PDB file of N, CA and C in Angstrom:
ATOM      1  N   MET A   1     243.370-103.291-102.164  1.00  0.00           N
ATOM      2  CA  MET A   1     244.732-103.066-102.582  1.00  0.00           C
ATOM      3  C   MET A   1     245.307-104.366-103.151  1.00  0.00           C
ATOM      4  N   PRO A   2     246.102-104.245-104.190  1.00  0.00           N
ATOM      5  CA  PRO A   2     246.694-105.435-104.802  1.00  0.00           C
ATOM      6  C   PRO A   2     247.780-106.059-103.920  1.00  0.00           C
ATOM      7  N   ILE A   3     247.967-107.350-104.130  1.00  0.00           N
ATOM      8  CA  ILE A   3     249.040-108.084-103.471  1.00  0.00           C
ATOM      9  C   ILE A   3     250.109-108.345-104.523  1.00  0.00           C
ATOM     10  N   TYR A   4     251.320-107.882-104.255  1.00  0.00           N
ATOM     11  CA  TYR A   4     252.429-108.060-105.184  1.00  0.00           C
ATOM     12  C   TYR A   4     253.365-109.144-104.664  1.00  0.00           C
ATOM     13  N   GLU A   5     253.923-109.922-105.574  1.00  0.00           N
ATOM     14  CA  GLU A   5     254.883-110.960-105.219  1.00  0.00           C
ATOM     15  C   GLU A   5     256.291-110.454-105.514  1.00  0.00           C
ATOM     16  N   TYR A   6     257.209-110.759-104.607  1.00  0.00           N
ATOM     17  CA  TYR A   6     258.605-110.358-104.750  1.00  0.00           C
ATOM     18  C   TYR A   6     259.507-111.572-104.582  1.00  0.00           C
ATOM     19  N   ALA A   7     260.694-111.507-105.168  1.00  0.00           N
ATOM     20  CA  ALA A   7     261.724-112.522-104.987  1.00  0.00           C
ATOM     21  C   ALA A   7     263.058-111.809-104.818  1.00  0.00           C
ATOM     22  N   CYS A   8     263.870-112.314-103.897  1.00  0.00           N
ATOM     23  CA  CYS A   8     265.189-111.731-103.646  1.00  0.00           C
ATOM     24  C   CYS A   8     266.219-112.414-104.538  1.00  0.00           C
ATOM     25  N   ALA A   9     267.003-111.629-105.241  1.00  0.00           N
ATOM     26  CA  ALA A   9     268.049-112.166-106.111  1.00  0.00           C
ATOM     27  C   ALA A   9     269.247-112.653-105.303  1.00  0.00           C
ATOM     28  N   ALA A  10     269.374-112.211-104.052  1.00  0.00           N
ATOM     29  CA  ALA A  10     270.507-112.608-103.226  1.00  0.00           C
ATOM     30  C   ALA A  10     270.283-113.947-102.524  1.00  0.00           C
ATOM     31  N   CYS A  11     269.096-114.136-101.928  1.00  0.00           N
ATOM     32  CA  CYS A  11     268.862-115.347-101.132  1.00  0.00           C
ATOM     33  C   CYS A  11     267.724-116.218-101.673  1.00  0.00           C
ATOM     34  N   ALA A  12     267.073-115.802-102.750  1.00  0.00           N
ATOM     35  CA  ALA A  12     265.969-116.531-103.396  1.00  0.00           C
ATOM     36  C   ALA A  12     264.705-116.612-102.537  1.00  0.00           C
ATOM     37  N   HIS A  13     264.619-115.801-101.487  1.00  0.00           N
ATOM     38  CA  HIS A  13     263.406-115.762-100.653  1.00  0.00           C
ATOM     39  C   HIS A  13     262.271-115.129-101.454  1.00  0.00           C
ATOM     40  N   GLN A  14     261.072-115.722-101.371  1.00  0.00           N
ATOM     41  CA  GLN A  14     259.898-115.169-102.043  1.00  0.00           C
ATOM     42  C   GLN A  14     258.922-114.700-100.984  1.00  0.00           C
ATOM     43  N   PHE A  15     258.327-113.515-101.201  1.00  0.00           N
ATOM     44  CA  PHE A  15     257.370-112.971-100.245  1.00  0.00           C
ATOM     45  C   PHE A  15     256.342-112.115-100.968  1.00  0.00           C
ATOM     46  N   GLU A  16     255.249-111.812-100.254  1.00  0.00           N
ATOM     47  CA  GLU A  16     254.168-110.995-100.806  1.00  0.00           C
ATOM     48  C   GLU A  16     254.050-109.712 -99.998  1.00  0.00           C
ATOM     49  N   ALA A  17     253.563-108.663-100.652  1.00  0.00           N
ATOM     50  CA  ALA A  17     253.344-107.384 -99.983  1.00  0.00           C
ATOM     51  C   ALA A  17     252.060-106.755-100.522  1.00  0.00           C
ATOM     52  N   THR A  18     251.226-106.266 -99.619  1.00  0.00           N
ATOM     53  CA  THR A  18     250.012-105.547-100.005  1.00  0.00           C
ATOM     54  C   THR A  18     250.389-104.079-100.133  1.00  0.00           C
ATOM     55  N   GLN A  19     250.219-103.527-101.343  1.00  0.00           N
ATOM     56  CA  GLN A  19     250.612-102.145-101.603  1.00  0.00           C
ATOM     57  C   GLN A  19     249.579-101.465-102.479  1.00  0.00           C
ATOM     58  N   LYS A  20     249.530-100.146-102.396  1.00  0.00           N
ATOM     59  CA  LYS A  20     248.736 -99.365-103.330  1.00  0.00           C
ATOM     60  C   LYS A  20     249.404 -99.425-104.702  1.00  0.00           C
ATOM     61  N   ILE A  21     248.634 -99.210-105.739  1.00  0.00           N
ATOM     62  CA  ILE A  21     249.181 -99.216-107.095  1.00  0.00           C
ATOM     63  C   ILE A  21     250.213 -98.105-107.262  1.00  0.00           C
ATOM     64  N   THR A  22     250.020 -97.002-106.567  1.00  0.00           N
ATOM     65  CA  THR A  22     250.916 -95.854-106.687  1.00  0.00           C
ATOM     66  C   THR A  22     252.179 -95.969-105.826  1.00  0.00           C
ATOM     67  N   ASP A  23     252.242 -96.966-104.929  1.00  0.00           N
ATOM     68  CA  ASP A  23     253.435 -97.149-104.088  1.00  0.00           C
ATOM     69  C   ASP A  23     254.616 -97.616-104.940  1.00  0.00           C
ATOM     70  N   PRO A  24     255.806 -97.160-104.632  1.00  0.00           N
ATOM     71  CA  PRO A  24     256.981 -97.650-105.377  1.00  0.00           C
ATOM     72  C   PRO A  24     257.263 -99.108-105.021  1.00  0.00           C
ATOM     73  N   PRO A  25     257.844 -99.879-105.931  1.00  0.00           N
ATOM     74  CA  PRO A  25     258.171-101.276-105.641  1.00  0.00           C
ATOM     75  C   PRO A  25     259.165-101.386-104.484  1.00  0.00           C
ATOM     76  N   LEU A  26     259.039-102.458-103.710  1.00  0.00           N
ATOM     77  CA  LEU A  26     259.996-102.707-102.629  1.00  0.00           C
ATOM     78  C   LEU A  26     261.329-103.129-103.232  1.00  0.00           C
ATOM     79  N   THR A  27     262.413-102.798-102.559  1.00  0.00           N
ATOM     80  CA  THR A  27     263.736-103.196-103.041  1.00  0.00           C
ATOM     81  C   THR A  27     264.501-103.983-101.995  1.00  0.00           C
ATOM     82  N   THR A  28     264.051-103.961-100.736  1.00  0.00           N
ATOM     83  CA  THR A  28     264.746-104.646 -99.654  1.00  0.00           C
ATOM     84  C   THR A  28     264.068-105.978 -99.355  1.00  0.00           C
ATOM     85  N   CYS A  29     264.852-107.044 -99.267  1.00  0.00           N
ATOM     86  CA  CYS A  29     264.346-108.385 -98.974  1.00  0.00           C
ATOM     87  C   CYS A  29     263.839-108.439 -97.536  1.00  0.00           C
ATOM     88  N   ALA A  30     262.694-109.071 -97.331  1.00  0.00           N
ATOM     89  CA  ALA A  30     262.111-109.203 -95.999  1.00  0.00           C
ATOM     90  C   ALA A  30     262.874-110.212 -95.138  1.00  0.00           C
ATOM     91  N   ALA A  31     263.644-111.125 -95.744  1.00  0.00           N
ATOM     92  CA  ALA A  31     264.357-112.155 -94.990  1.00  0.00           C
ATOM     93  C   ALA A  31     265.800-111.770 -94.681  1.00  0.00           C
ATOM     94  N   CYS A  32     266.569-111.416 -95.711  1.00  0.00           N
ATOM     95  CA  CYS A  32     268.002-111.165 -95.504  1.00  0.00           C
ATOM     96  C   CYS A  32     268.359-109.679 -95.445  1.00  0.00           C
ATOM     97  N   GLY A  33     267.447-108.810 -95.860  1.00  0.00           N
ATOM     98  CA  GLY A  33     267.711-107.377 -95.805  1.00  0.00           C
ATOM     99  C   GLY A  33     268.514-106.829 -96.966  1.00  0.00           C
ATOM    100  N   ALA A  34     268.872-107.680 -97.914  1.00  0.00           N
ATOM    101  CA  ALA A  34     269.644-107.227 -99.080  1.00  0.00           C
ATOM    102  C   ALA A  34     268.768-106.361 -99.986  1.00  0.00           C
ATOM    103  N   PRO A  35     269.347-105.362-100.620  1.00  0.00           N
ATOM    104  CA  PRO A  35     268.568-104.483-101.509  1.00  0.00           C
ATOM    105  C   PRO A  35     268.402-105.081-102.906  1.00  0.00           C
ATOM    106  N   ARG A  36     267.993-106.358-102.985  1.00  0.00           N
ATOM    107  CA  ARG A  36     267.927-107.045-104.273  1.00  0.00           C
ATOM    108  C   ARG A  36     266.560-107.665-104.538  1.00  0.00           C
ATOM    109  N   ALA A  37     265.507-107.190-103.852  1.00  0.00           N
ATOM    110  CA  ALA A  37     264.156-107.713-104.081  1.00  0.00           C
ATOM    111  C   ALA A  37     263.610-107.161-105.395  1.00  0.00           C
ATOM    112  N   GLU A  38     262.951-108.022-106.152  1.00  0.00           N
ATOM    113  CA  GLU A  38     262.377-107.630-107.435  1.00  0.00           C
ATOM    114  C   GLU A  38     260.933-108.101-107.508  1.00  0.00           C
ATOM    115  N   ARG A  39     260.071-107.237-108.035  1.00  0.00           N
ATOM    116  CA  ARG A  39     258.658-107.585-108.187  1.00  0.00           C
ATOM    117  C   ARG A  39     258.517-108.639-109.279  1.00  0.00           C
ATOM    118  N   GLN A  40     257.713-109.654-109.022  1.00  0.00           N
ATOM    119  CA  GLN A  40     257.498-110.745-109.957  1.00  0.00           C
ATOM    120  C   GLN A  40     256.196-110.541-110.727  1.00  0.00           C
ATOM    121  N   ILE A  41     256.121-111.115-111.898  1.00  0.00           N
ATOM    122  CA  ILE A  41     254.887-111.111-112.682  1.00  0.00           C
ATOM    123  C   ILE A  41     254.191-112.423-112.398  1.00  0.00           C
ATOM    124  N   SER A  42     252.936-112.350-111.980  1.00  0.00           N
ATOM    125  CA  SER A  42     252.206-113.570-111.633  1.00  0.00           C
ATOM    126  C   SER A  42     250.818-113.546-112.270  1.00  0.00           C
ATOM    127  N   ALA A  43     250.163-114.687-112.231  1.00  0.00           N
ATOM    128  CA  ALA A  43     248.818-114.817-112.800  1.00  0.00           C
ATOM    129  C   ALA A  43     247.825-114.011-111.970  1.00  0.00           C
ATOM    130  N   SER A  44     246.887-113.425-112.636  1.00  0.00           N
ATOM    131  CA  SER A  44     245.867-112.625-111.978  1.00  0.00           C
ATOM    132  C   SER A  44     244.618-113.460-111.728  1.00  0.00           C
ATOM    133  N   SER A  45     243.853-113.095-110.726  1.00  0.00           N
ATOM    134  CA  SER A  45     242.600-113.783-110.455  1.00  0.00           C
ATOM    135  C   SER A  45     241.416-112.996-111.027  1.00  0.00           C
ATOM    136  N   PHE A  46     241.700-112.087-111.948  1.00  0.00           N
ATOM    137  CA  PHE A  46     240.682-111.237-112.558  1.00  0.00           C
ATOM    138  C   PHE A  46     239.800-112.060-113.497  1.00  0.00           C
ATOM    139  N   ALA A  47     238.481-111.923-113.364  1.00  0.00           N
ATOM    140  CA  ALA A  47     237.549-112.643-114.241  1.00  0.00           C
ATOM    141  C   ALA A  47     236.359-111.750-114.549  1.00  0.00           C
ATOM    142  N   LEU A  48     235.921-111.757-115.795  1.00  0.00           N
ATOM    143  CA  LEU A  48     234.735-111.006-116.189  1.00  0.00           C
ATOM    144  C   LEU A  48     233.540-111.929-116.010  1.00  0.00           C
ATOM    145  N   ARG A  49     232.598-111.527-115.169  1.00  0.00           N
ATOM    146  CA  ARG A  49     231.428-112.349-114.899  1.00  0.00           C
ATOM    147  C   ARG A  49     230.170-111.534-115.121  1.00  0.00           C
ATOM    148  N   GLY A  50     229.065-112.231-115.404  1.00  0.00           N
ATOM    149  CA  GLY A  50     227.796-111.559-115.600  1.00  0.00           C
ATOM    150  C   GLY A  50     227.554-111.265-117.064  1.00  0.00           C
ATOM    151  N   GLY A  51     226.418-110.654-117.355  1.00  0.00           N
ATOM    152  CA  GLY A  51     226.050-110.355-118.731  1.00  0.00           C
ATOM    153  C   GLY A  51     226.761-109.119-119.251  1.00  0.00           C
ATOM    154  N   GLY A  52     226.747-108.954-120.574  1.00  0.00           N
ATOM    155  CA  GLY A  52     227.297-107.756-121.182  1.00  0.00           C
ATOM    156  C   GLY A  52     228.686-107.912-121.743  1.00  0.00           C
ATOM    157  N   TRP A  53     229.304-109.061-121.610  1.00  0.00           N
ATOM    158  CA  TRP A  53     230.639-109.269-122.139  1.00  0.00           C
ATOM    159  C   TRP A  53     230.548-109.997-123.467  1.00  0.00           C
ATOM    160  N   TYR A  54     231.532-109.829-124.307  1.00  0.00           N
ATOM    161  CA  TYR A  54     231.507-110.370-125.663  1.00  0.00           C
ATOM    162  C   TYR A  54     231.161-111.858-125.702  1.00  0.00           C
ATOM    163  N   VAL A  55     231.787-112.648-124.872  1.00  0.00           N
ATOM    164  CA  VAL A  55     231.585-114.096-124.918  1.00  0.00           C
ATOM    165  C   VAL A  55     230.142-114.464-124.596  1.00  0.00           C
ATOM    166  N   SER A  56     229.511-113.733-123.696  1.00  0.00           N
ATOM    167  CA  SER A  56     228.159-114.108-123.281  1.00  0.00           C
ATOM    168  C   SER A  56     227.054-113.433-124.095  1.00  0.00           C
ATOM    169  N   ASP A  57     227.275-112.261-124.655  1.00  0.00           N
ATOM    170  CA  ASP A  57     226.179-111.546-125.301  1.00  0.00           C
ATOM    171  C   ASP A  57     226.403-111.193-126.770  1.00  0.00           C
ATOM    172  N   TYR A  58     227.494-110.528-127.092  1.00  0.00           N
ATOM    173  CA  TYR A  58     227.643-109.967-128.425  1.00  0.00           C
ATOM    174  C   TYR A  58     227.823-111.017-129.527  1.00  0.00           C
ATOM    175  N   GLY A  59     228.381-112.151-129.193  1.00  0.00           N
ATOM    176  CA  GLY A  59     228.590-113.188-130.193  1.00  0.00           C
ATOM    177  C   GLY A  59     227.374-114.072-130.414  1.00  0.00           C
ATOM    178  N   ARG A  60     226.340-113.884-129.624  1.00  0.00           N
ATOM    179  CA  ARG A  60     225.155-114.742-129.662  1.00  0.00           C
ATOM    180  C   ARG A  60     224.131-114.185-130.639  1.00  0.00           C
ATOM    181  N   LYS A  61     223.510-115.043-131.420  1.00  0.00           N
ATOM    182  CA  LYS A  61     222.417-114.636-132.305  1.00  0.00           C
ATOM    183  C   LYS A  61     221.168-114.399-131.468  1.00  0.00           C
ATOM    184  N   SER A  62     220.356-113.427-131.864  1.00  0.00           N
ATOM    185  CA  SER A  62     219.131-113.154-131.105  1.00  0.00           C
ATOM    186  C   SER A  62     218.081-114.214-131.421  1.00  0.00           C
ATOM    187  N   ALA A  63     217.107-114.365-130.504  1.00  0.00           N
ATOM    188  CA  ALA A  63     216.053-115.370-130.654  1.00  0.00           C
ATOM    189  C   ALA A  63     215.127-115.044-131.809  1.00  0.00           C
ATOM    190  N   GLY A  64     215.089-113.772-132.256  1.00  0.00           N
ATOM    191  CA  GLY A  64     214.202-113.351-133.339  1.00  0.00           C
ATOM    192  C   GLY A  64     214.722-113.707-134.715  1.00  0.00           C
ATOM    193  N   GLY A  65     215.902-114.257-134.850  1.00  0.00           N
ATOM    194  CA  GLY A  65     216.468-114.658-136.114  1.00  0.00           C
ATOM    195  C   GLY A  65     216.984-113.507-136.944  1.00  0.00           C
ATOM    196  N   ASP A  66     217.584-112.511-136.281  1.00  0.00           N
ATOM    197  CA  ASP A  66     218.093-111.326-136.984  1.00  0.00           C
ATOM    198  C   ASP A  66     219.050-111.717-138.032  1.00  0.00           C
TER     199      ASP A  66
END
């Protein structure tokens, strides 16, 4: 399950929540209880590894000199 980051517009508290993709976003702050929590956009740790990706295979010339 993904970890989402939230920030409260009322008290500036930042927190994380593990939720399913289909779960609705949280709106209540975990610290002050105000209904002003907003989901933040953050960097992903997603990386394509292994063979078969454009950078590693498709852009490379074959050894046979095609």
